[in-house]
């Protein structure tokens, strides 16, 4: 019988489960929601992470979180620029 290698998604979910104590210790509300959003960011990039050569799971998680944050920063900048342009036309 051959060995079965767990998929990256399975490994990722295991790593996320290891953060359960941290997540449970967070204050109820926005901190817990933010943590879950970060973990969902990791899940969104699981396919790309699986393509990495011998990934260290926590490094891939941090990269996924950074990518999601960078995209959010870009969206916020674009929205801010629209507001600034709109306000400059009103003056």
PDB file of N, CA and C in Angstrom:
ATOM      1  N   UNK A   1       0.827  -1.180   0.000  1.00  0.00           N
ATOM      2  CA  UNK A   1       0.000   0.000   0.000  1.00  0.00           C
ATOM      3  C   UNK A   1       0.875   1.249   0.000  1.00  0.00           C
ATOM      4  N   UNK A   2       0.512   2.225  -0.805  1.00  0.00           N
ATOM      5  CA  UNK A   2       1.277   3.464  -0.875  1.00  0.00           C
ATOM      6  C   UNK A   2       0.879   4.435   0.229  1.00  0.00           C
ATOM      7  N   UNK A   3       1.776   5.367   0.477  1.00  0.00           N
ATOM      8  CA  UNK A   3       1.460   6.403   1.462  1.00  0.00           C
ATOM      9  C   UNK A   3       0.543   7.425   0.825  1.00  0.00           C
ATOM     10  N   UNK A   4      -0.293   7.981   1.646  1.00  0.00           N
ATOM     11  CA  UNK A   4      -1.124   9.058   1.142  1.00  0.00           C
ATOM     12  C   UNK A   4      -0.575  10.371   1.673  1.00  0.00           C
ATOM     13  N   UNK A   5      -0.390  11.298   0.781  1.00  0.00           N
ATOM     14  CA  UNK A   5       0.091  12.621   1.164  1.00  0.00           C
ATOM     15  C   UNK A   5      -1.132  13.517   1.310  1.00  0.00           C
ATOM     16  N   UNK A   6      -1.284  14.145   2.467  1.00  0.00           N
ATOM     17  CA  UNK A   6      -2.458  15.006   2.638  1.00  0.00           C
ATOM     18  C   UNK A   6      -2.392  16.201   1.691  1.00  0.00           C
ATOM     19  N   UNK A   7      -3.551  16.632   1.236  1.00  0.00           N
ATOM     20  CA  UNK A   7      -3.594  17.808   0.364  1.00  0.00           C
ATOM     21  C   UNK A   7      -3.201  19.040   1.177  1.00  0.00           C
ATOM     22  N   UNK A   8      -2.820  20.086   0.465  1.00  0.00           N
ATOM     23  CA  UNK A   8      -2.445  21.306   1.176  1.00  0.00           C
ATOM     24  C   UNK A   8      -3.630  21.844   1.959  1.00  0.00           C
ATOM     25  N   UNK A   9      -4.822  21.724   1.397  1.00  0.00           N
ATOM     26  CA  UNK A   9      -6.009  22.210   2.111  1.00  0.00           C
ATOM     27  C   UNK A   9      -6.182  21.500   3.450  1.00  0.00           C
ATOM     28  N   UNK A  10      -5.931  20.203   3.471  1.00  0.00           N
ATOM     29  CA  UNK A  10      -6.041  19.451   4.724  1.00  0.00           C
ATOM     30  C   UNK A  10      -4.989  19.925   5.727  1.00  0.00           C
ATOM     31  N   UNK A  11      -3.775  20.129   5.250  1.00  0.00           N
ATOM     32  CA  UNK A  11      -2.698  20.610   6.121  1.00  0.00           C
ATOM     33  C   UNK A  11      -3.037  22.007   6.639  1.00  0.00           C
ATOM     34  N   UNK A  12      -3.557  22.854   5.755  1.00  0.00           N
ATOM     35  CA  UNK A  12      -3.936  24.209   6.134  1.00  0.00           C
ATOM     36  C   UNK A  12      -5.007  24.193   7.217  1.00  0.00           C
ATOM     37  N   UNK A  13      -6.031  23.382   7.031  1.00  0.00           N
ATOM     38  CA  UNK A  13      -7.102  23.309   8.033  1.00  0.00           C
ATOM     39  C   UNK A  13      -6.554  22.825   9.373  1.00  0.00           C
ATOM     40  N   UNK A  14      -5.581  21.919   9.332  1.00  0.00           N
ATOM     41  CA  UNK A  14      -4.939  21.479  10.569  1.00  0.00           C
ATOM     42  C   UNK A  14      -4.202  22.614  11.259  1.00  0.00           C
ATOM     43  N   UNK A  15      -3.510  23.419  10.467  1.00  0.00           N
ATOM     44  CA  UNK A  15      -2.784  24.571  11.019  1.00  0.00           C
ATOM     45  C   UNK A  15      -3.761  25.587  11.597  1.00  0.00           C
ATOM     46  N   UNK A  16      -4.845  25.840  10.887  1.00  0.00           N
ATOM     47  CA  UNK A  16      -5.864  26.771  11.383  1.00  0.00           C
ATOM     48  C   UNK A  16      -6.445  26.246  12.693  1.00  0.00           C
ATOM     49  N   UNK A  17      -6.675  24.946  12.778  1.00  0.00           N
ATOM     50  CA  UNK A  17      -7.208  24.345  14.005  1.00  0.00           C
ATOM     51  C   UNK A  17      -6.248  24.549  15.180  1.00  0.00           C
ATOM     52  N   UNK A  18      -4.957  24.561  14.901  1.00  0.00           N
ATOM     53  CA  UNK A  18      -3.980  24.777  15.971  1.00  0.00           C
ATOM     54  C   UNK A  18      -4.032  26.207  16.521  1.00  0.00           C
ATOM     55  N   UNK A  19      -4.626  27.115  15.788  1.00  0.00           N
ATOM     56  CA  UNK A  19      -4.791  28.496  16.243  1.00  0.00           C
ATOM     57  C   UNK A  19      -6.101  28.689  17.012  1.00  0.00           C
ATOM     58  N   UNK A  20      -6.848  27.612  17.221  1.00  0.00           N
ATOM     59  CA  UNK A  20      -8.170  27.698  17.857  1.00  0.00           C
ATOM     60  C   UNK A  20      -8.102  28.364  19.234  1.00  0.00           C
ATOM     61  N   UNK A  21      -7.114  27.989  20.048  1.00  0.00           N
ATOM     62  CA  UNK A  21      -6.992  28.584  21.379  1.00  0.00           C
ATOM     63  C   UNK A  21      -6.799  30.086  21.317  1.00  0.00           C
ATOM     64  N   UNK A  22      -5.975  30.528  20.378  1.00  0.00           N
ATOM     65  CA  UNK A  22      -5.757  31.963  20.185  1.00  0.00           C
ATOM     66  C   UNK A  22      -7.066  32.637  19.787  1.00  0.00           C
ATOM     67  N   UNK A  23      -7.761  32.042  18.831  1.00  0.00           N
ATOM     68  CA  UNK A  23      -9.014  32.620  18.341  1.00  0.00           C
ATOM     69  C   UNK A  23     -10.049  32.709  19.455  1.00  0.00           C
ATOM     70  N   UNK A  24     -10.117  31.676  20.278  1.00  0.00           N
ATOM     71  CA  UNK A  24     -11.102  31.671  21.364  1.00  0.00           C
ATOM     72  C   UNK A  24     -10.766  32.698  22.440  1.00  0.00           C
ATOM     73  N   UNK A  25      -9.501  33.044  22.590  1.00  0.00           N
ATOM     74  CA  UNK A  25      -9.094  34.015  23.604  1.00  0.00           C
ATOM     75  C   UNK A  25      -9.306  35.459  23.153  1.00  0.00           C
ATOM     76  N   UNK A  26      -9.590  35.660  21.873  1.00  0.00           N
ATOM     77  CA  UNK A  26      -9.828  37.015  21.374  1.00  0.00           C
ATOM     78  C   UNK A  26     -11.134  37.555  21.938  1.00  0.00           C
ATOM     79  N   UNK A  27     -11.206  38.874  22.137  1.00  0.00           N
ATOM     80  CA  UNK A  27     -12.468  39.458  22.587  1.00  0.00           C
ATOM     81  C   UNK A  27     -13.569  39.212  21.551  1.00  0.00           C
ATOM     82  N   UNK A  28     -14.766  39.046  22.043  1.00  0.00           N
ATOM     83  CA  UNK A  28     -15.908  38.827  21.150  1.00  0.00           C
ATOM     84  C   UNK A  28     -16.098  40.078  20.299  1.00  0.00           C
ATOM     85  N   UNK A  29     -16.438  39.873  19.051  1.00  0.00           N
ATOM     86  CA  UNK A  29     -16.721  41.003  18.176  1.00  0.00           C
ATOM     87  C   UNK A  29     -15.743  41.122  17.034  1.00  0.00           C
ATOM     88  N   UNK A  30     -15.265  42.348  16.828  1.00  0.00           N
ATOM     89  CA  UNK A  30     -14.487  42.630  15.625  1.00  0.00           C
ATOM     90  C   UNK A  30     -13.166  41.866  15.569  1.00  0.00           C
ATOM     91  N   UNK A  31     -12.540  41.583  16.711  1.00  0.00           N
ATOM     92  CA  UNK A  31     -11.287  40.824  16.682  1.00  0.00           C
ATOM     93  C   UNK A  31     -11.515  39.406  16.172  1.00  0.00           C
ATOM     94  N   UNK A  32     -12.557  38.764  16.675  1.00  0.00           N
ATOM     95  CA  UNK A  32     -12.864  37.395  16.224  1.00  0.00           C
ATOM     96  C   UNK A  32     -13.228  37.396  14.742  1.00  0.00           C
ATOM     97  N   UNK A  33     -14.014  38.383  14.331  1.00  0.00           N
ATOM     98  CA  UNK A  33     -14.404  38.485  12.921  1.00  0.00           C
ATOM     99  C   UNK A  33     -13.175  38.710  12.044  1.00  0.00           C
ATOM    100  N   UNK A  34     -12.281  39.580  12.482  1.00  0.00           N
ATOM    101  CA  UNK A  34     -11.065  39.860  11.712  1.00  0.00           C
ATOM    102  C   UNK A  34     -10.206  38.605  11.606  1.00  0.00           C
ATOM    103  N   UNK A  35     -10.092  37.857  12.698  1.00  0.00           N
ATOM    104  CA  UNK A  35      -9.303  36.624  12.670  1.00  0.00           C
ATOM    105  C   UNK A  35      -9.900  35.638  11.673  1.00  0.00           C
ATOM    106  N   UNK A  36     -11.209  35.489  11.687  1.00  0.00           N
ATOM    107  CA  UNK A  36     -11.853  34.552  10.757  1.00  0.00           C
ATOM    108  C   UNK A  36     -11.674  35.015   9.312  1.00  0.00           C
ATOM    109  N   UNK A  37     -11.711  36.323   9.079  1.00  0.00           N
ATOM    110  CA  UNK A  37     -11.454  36.844   7.729  1.00  0.00           C
ATOM    111  C   UNK A  37     -10.041  36.494   7.279  1.00  0.00           C
ATOM    112  N   UNK A  38      -9.071  36.599   8.188  1.00  0.00           N
ATOM    113  CA  UNK A  38      -7.691  36.249   7.848  1.00  0.00           C
ATOM    114  C   UNK A  38      -7.574  34.773   7.496  1.00  0.00           C
ATOM    115  N   UNK A  39      -8.236  33.921   8.268  1.00  0.00           N
ATOM    116  CA  UNK A  39      -8.180  32.483   7.982  1.00  0.00           C
ATOM    117  C   UNK A  39      -8.874  32.174   6.655  1.00  0.00           C
ATOM    118  N   UNK A  40      -9.944  32.903   6.360  1.00  0.00           N
ATOM    119  CA  UNK A  40     -10.609  32.719   5.067  1.00  0.00           C
ATOM    120  C   UNK A  40      -9.706  33.169   3.924  1.00  0.00           C
ATOM    121  N   UNK A  41      -8.890  34.200   4.165  1.00  0.00           N
ATOM    122  CA  UNK A  41      -7.913  34.620   3.156  1.00  0.00           C
ATOM    123  C   UNK A  41      -6.953  33.483   2.860  1.00  0.00           C
ATOM    124  N   UNK A  42      -6.532  32.795   3.900  1.00  0.00           N
ATOM    125  CA  UNK A  42      -5.635  31.646   3.712  1.00  0.00           C
ATOM    126  C   UNK A  42      -6.310  30.582   2.865  1.00  0.00           C
ATOM    127  N   UNK A  43      -7.569  30.331   3.146  1.00  0.00           N
ATOM    128  CA  UNK A  43      -8.305  29.311   2.388  1.00  0.00           C
ATOM    129  C   UNK A  43      -8.436  29.710   0.917  1.00  0.00           C
ATOM    130  N   UNK A  44      -8.617  31.006   0.664  1.00  0.00           N
ATOM    131  CA  UNK A  44      -8.770  31.476  -0.721  1.00  0.00           C
ATOM    132  C   UNK A  44      -7.516  31.231  -1.557  1.00  0.00           C
ATOM    133  N   UNK A  45      -6.353  31.253  -0.923  1.00  0.00           N
ATOM    134  CA  UNK A  45      -5.098  31.076  -1.644  1.00  0.00           C
ATOM    135  C   UNK A  45      -4.538  29.666  -1.516  1.00  0.00           C
ATOM    136  N   UNK A  46      -5.340  28.731  -1.045  1.00  0.00           N
ATOM    137  CA  UNK A  46      -4.850  27.364  -0.818  1.00  0.00           C
ATOM    138  C   UNK A  46      -4.368  26.709  -2.106  1.00  0.00           C
ATOM    139  N   UNK A  47      -5.034  26.955  -3.213  1.00  0.00           N
ATOM    140  CA  UNK A  47      -4.604  26.339  -4.476  1.00  0.00           C
ATOM    141  C   UNK A  47      -3.222  26.834  -4.887  1.00  0.00           C
ATOM    142  N   UNK A  48      -3.000  28.136  -4.776  1.00  0.00           N
ATOM    143  CA  UNK A  48      -1.686  28.692  -5.112  1.00  0.00           C
ATOM    144  C   UNK A  48      -0.633  28.175  -4.139  1.00  0.00           C
ATOM    145  N   UNK A  49      -0.997  28.083  -2.883  1.00  0.00           N
ATOM    146  CA  UNK A  49      -0.048  27.597  -1.873  1.00  0.00           C
ATOM    147  C   UNK A  49       0.342  26.153  -2.132  1.00  0.00           C
ATOM    148  N   UNK A  50      -0.605  25.370  -2.594  1.00  0.00           N
ATOM    149  CA  UNK A  50      -0.318  23.976  -2.902  1.00  0.00           C
ATOM    150  C   UNK A  50       0.680  23.829  -4.033  1.00  0.00           C
ATOM    151  N   UNK A  51       0.806  24.871  -4.854  1.00  0.00           N
ATOM    152  CA  UNK A  51       1.752  24.829  -5.971  1.00  0.00           C
ATOM    153  C   UNK A  51       3.168  25.207  -5.538  1.00  0.00           C
ATOM    154  N   UNK A  52       3.311  25.738  -4.326  1.00  0.00           N
ATOM    155  CA  UNK A  52       4.639  26.107  -3.825  1.00  0.00           C
ATOM    156  C   UNK A  52       5.447  24.836  -3.572  1.00  0.00           C
ATOM    157  N   UNK A  53       6.727  24.930  -3.795  1.00  0.00           N
ATOM    158  CA  UNK A  53       7.604  23.787  -3.570  1.00  0.00           C
ATOM    159  C   UNK A  53       7.878  23.675  -2.071  1.00  0.00           C
ATOM    160  N   UNK A  54       7.506  22.550  -1.496  1.00  0.00           N
ATOM    161  CA  UNK A  54       7.715  22.275  -0.065  1.00  0.00           C
ATOM    162  C   UNK A  54       7.342  23.470   0.805  1.00  0.00           C
ATOM    163  N   UNK A  55       6.095  23.891   0.789  1.00  0.00           N
ATOM    164  CA  UNK A  55       5.728  25.079   1.556  1.00  0.00           C
ATOM    165  C   UNK A  55       5.764  24.828   3.064  1.00  0.00           C
ATOM    166  N   UNK A  56       6.160  25.842   3.790  1.00  0.00           N
ATOM    167  CA  UNK A  56       5.994  25.851   5.239  1.00  0.00           C
ATOM    168  C   UNK A  56       4.634  26.494   5.458  1.00  0.00           C
ATOM    169  N   UNK A  57       3.736  25.765   6.068  1.00  0.00           N
ATOM    170  CA  UNK A  57       2.332  26.170   6.115  1.00  0.00           C
ATOM    171  C   UNK A  57       2.163  27.571   6.693  1.00  0.00           C
ATOM    172  N   UNK A  58       2.812  27.873   7.795  1.00  0.00           N
ATOM    173  CA  UNK A  58       2.622  29.194   8.396  1.00  0.00           C
ATOM    174  C   UNK A  58       3.112  30.306   7.465  1.00  0.00           C
ATOM    175  N   UNK A  59       4.187  30.074   6.726  1.00  0.00           N
ATOM    176  CA  UNK A  59       4.671  31.090   5.783  1.00  0.00           C
ATOM    177  C   UNK A  59       3.651  31.328   4.681  1.00  0.00           C
ATOM    178  N   UNK A  60       3.048  30.266   4.193  1.00  0.00           N
ATOM    179  CA  UNK A  60       2.028  30.400   3.152  1.00  0.00           C
ATOM    180  C   UNK A  60       0.815  31.140   3.708  1.00  0.00           C
ATOM    181  N   UNK A  61       0.439  30.825   4.944  1.00  0.00           N
ATOM    182  CA  UNK A  61      -0.686  31.528   5.567  1.00  0.00           C
ATOM    183  C   UNK A  61      -0.401  33.022   5.654  1.00  0.00           C
ATOM    184  N   UNK A  62       0.806  33.375   6.098  1.00  0.00           N
ATOM    185  CA  UNK A  62       1.147  34.792   6.223  1.00  0.00           C
ATOM    186  C   UNK A  62       1.164  35.481   4.861  1.00  0.00           C
ATOM    187  N   UNK A  63       1.653  34.802   3.831  1.00  0.00           N
ATOM    188  CA  UNK A  63       1.664  35.384   2.490  1.00  0.00           C
ATOM    189  C   UNK A  63       0.232  35.603   1.997  1.00  0.00           C
ATOM    190  N   UNK A  64      -0.643  34.644   2.238  1.00  0.00           N
ATOM    191  CA  UNK A  64      -2.041  34.792   1.828  1.00  0.00           C
ATOM    192  C   UNK A  64      -2.684  35.978   2.536  1.00  0.00           C
ATOM    193  N   UNK A  65      -2.402  36.109   3.819  1.00  0.00           N
ATOM    194  CA  UNK A  65      -2.942  37.233   4.585  1.00  0.00           C
ATOM    195  C   UNK A  65      -2.392  38.547   4.041  1.00  0.00           C
ATOM    196  N   UNK A  66      -1.095  38.594   3.755  1.00  0.00           N
ATOM    197  CA  UNK A  66      -0.498  39.810   3.193  1.00  0.00           C
ATOM    198  C   UNK A  66      -1.120  40.168   1.846  1.00  0.00           C
ATOM    199  N   UNK A  67      -1.337  39.177   1.002  1.00  0.00           N
ATOM    200  CA  UNK A  67      -1.960  39.439  -0.300  1.00  0.00           C
ATOM    201  C   UNK A  67      -3.365  40.006  -0.133  1.00  0.00           C
ATOM    202  N   UNK A  68      -4.142  39.406   0.761  1.00  0.00           N
ATOM    203  CA  UNK A  68      -5.501  39.894   0.991  1.00  0.00           C
ATOM    204  C   UNK A  68      -5.475  41.323   1.536  1.00  0.00           C
ATOM    205  N   UNK A  69      -4.559  41.604   2.458  1.00  0.00           N
ATOM    206  CA  UNK A  69      -4.445  42.948   3.016  1.00  0.00           C
ATOM    207  C   UNK A  69      -4.016  43.952   1.948  1.00  0.00           C
ATOM    208  N   UNK A  70      -3.086  43.550   1.086  1.00  0.00           N
ATOM    209  CA  UNK A  70      -2.623  44.442   0.026  1.00  0.00           C
ATOM    210  C   UNK A  70      -3.757  44.771  -0.941  1.00  0.00           C
ATOM    211  N   UNK A  71      -4.561  43.768  -1.268  1.00  0.00           N
ATOM    212  CA  UNK A  71      -5.710  44.018  -2.142  1.00  0.00           C
ATOM    213  C   UNK A  71      -6.678  44.993  -1.480  1.00  0.00           C
ATOM    214  N   UNK A  72      -6.908  44.826  -0.182  1.00  0.00           N
ATOM    215  CA  UNK A  72      -7.807  45.722   0.549  1.00  0.00           C
ATOM    216  C   UNK A  72      -7.241  47.141   0.578  1.00  0.00           C
ATOM    217  N   UNK A  73      -5.951  47.279   0.777  1.00  0.00           N
ATOM    218  CA  UNK A  73      -5.313  48.599   0.752  1.00  0.00           C
ATOM    219  C   UNK A  73      -5.515  49.247  -0.615  1.00  0.00           C
ATOM    220  N   UNK A  74      -5.334  48.471  -1.676  1.00  0.00           N
ATOM    221  CA  UNK A  74      -5.542  48.996  -3.029  1.00  0.00           C
ATOM    222  C   UNK A  74      -6.968  49.467  -3.251  1.00  0.00           C
ATOM    223  N   UNK A  75      -7.929  48.683  -2.779  1.00  0.00           N
ATOM    224  CA  UNK A  75      -9.337  49.084  -2.912  1.00  0.00           C
ATOM    225  C   UNK A  75      -9.606  50.355  -2.115  1.00  0.00           C
ATOM    226  N   UNK A  76      -9.063  50.432  -0.914  1.00  0.00           N
ATOM    227  CA  UNK A  76      -9.268  51.626  -0.084  1.00  0.00           C
ATOM    228  C   UNK A  76      -8.634  52.863  -0.714  1.00  0.00           C
ATOM    229  N   UNK A  77      -7.440  52.710  -1.286  1.00  0.00           N
ATOM    230  CA  UNK A  77      -6.781  53.836  -1.950  1.00  0.00           C
ATOM    231  C   UNK A  77      -7.607  54.323  -3.132  1.00  0.00           C
ATOM    232  N   UNK A  78      -8.111  53.391  -3.929  1.00  0.00           N
ATOM    233  CA  UNK A  78      -8.917  53.768  -5.092  1.00  0.00           C
ATOM    234  C   UNK A  78     -10.181  54.501  -4.652  1.00  0.00           C
ATOM    235  N   UNK A  79     -10.805  54.010  -3.605  1.00  0.00           N
ATOM    236  CA  UNK A  79     -12.024  54.650  -3.108  1.00  0.00           C
ATOM    237  C   UNK A  79     -11.708  56.040  -2.550  1.00  0.00           C
ATOM    238  N   UNK A  80     -10.606  56.172  -1.844  1.00  0.00           N
ATOM    239  CA  UNK A  80     -10.195  57.464  -1.298  1.00  0.00           C
ATOM    240  C   UNK A  80      -9.903  58.457  -2.420  1.00  0.00           C
ATOM    241  N   UNK A  81      -9.233  58.000  -3.467  1.00  0.00           N
ATOM    242  CA  UNK A  81      -8.939  58.878  -4.601  1.00  0.00           C
ATOM    243  C   UNK A  81     -10.221  59.360  -5.267  1.00  0.00           C
ATOM    244  N   UNK A  82     -11.211  58.475  -5.396  1.00  0.00           N
ATOM    245  CA  UNK A  82     -12.500  58.888  -5.967  1.00  0.00           C
ATOM    246  C   UNK A  82     -13.148  59.963  -5.105  1.00  0.00           C
ATOM    247  N   UNK A  83     -13.102  59.761  -3.796  1.00  0.00           N
ATOM    248  CA  UNK A  83     -13.694  60.747  -2.888  1.00  0.00           C
ATOM    249  C   UNK A  83     -12.954  62.076  -2.964  1.00  0.00           C
ATOM    250  N   UNK A  84     -11.635  62.027  -3.052  1.00  0.00           N
ATOM    251  CA  UNK A  84     -10.846  63.256  -3.135  1.00  0.00           C
ATOM    252  C   UNK A  84     -11.132  64.001  -4.431  1.00  0.00           C
ATOM    253  N   UNK A  85     -11.251  63.286  -5.535  1.00  0.00           N
ATOM    254  CA  UNK A  85     -11.566  63.917  -6.822  1.00  0.00           C
ATOM    255  C   UNK A  85     -12.962  64.525  -6.764  1.00  0.00           C
ATOM    256  N   UNK A  86     -13.904  63.787  -6.194  1.00  0.00           N
ATOM    257  CA  UNK A  86     -15.268  64.299  -6.064  1.00  0.00           C
ATOM    258  C   UNK A  86     -15.327  65.546  -5.212  1.00  0.00           C
ATOM    259  N   UNK A  87     -14.578  65.576  -4.140  1.00  0.00           N
ATOM    260  CA  UNK A  87     -14.557  66.745  -3.256  1.00  0.00           C
ATOM    261  C   UNK A  87     -13.855  67.928  -3.900  1.00  0.00           C
ATOM    262  N   UNK A  88     -12.837  67.698  -4.719  1.00  0.00           N
ATOM    263  CA  UNK A  88     -12.130  68.815  -5.357  1.00  0.00           C
ATOM    264  C   UNK A  88     -13.015  69.484  -6.408  1.00  0.00           C
ATOM    265  N   UNK A  89     -13.925  68.719  -7.021  1.00  0.00           N
ATOM    266  CA  UNK A  89     -14.839  69.304  -8.010  1.00  0.00           C
ATOM    267  C   UNK A  89     -15.912  70.149  -7.334  1.00  0.00           C
ATOM    268  N   UNK A  90     -16.234  69.844  -6.101  1.00  0.00           N
ATOM    269  CA  UNK A  90     -17.268  70.582  -5.376  1.00  0.00           C
ATOM    270  C   UNK A  90     -16.753  71.925  -4.882  1.00  0.00           C
ATOM    271  N   UNK A  91     -15.443  72.050  -4.728  1.00  0.00           N
ATOM    272  CA  UNK A  91     -14.890  73.293  -4.157  1.00  0.00           C
ATOM    273  C   UNK A  91     -14.667  74.339  -5.187  1.00  0.00           C
TER     274      UNK A  91
END
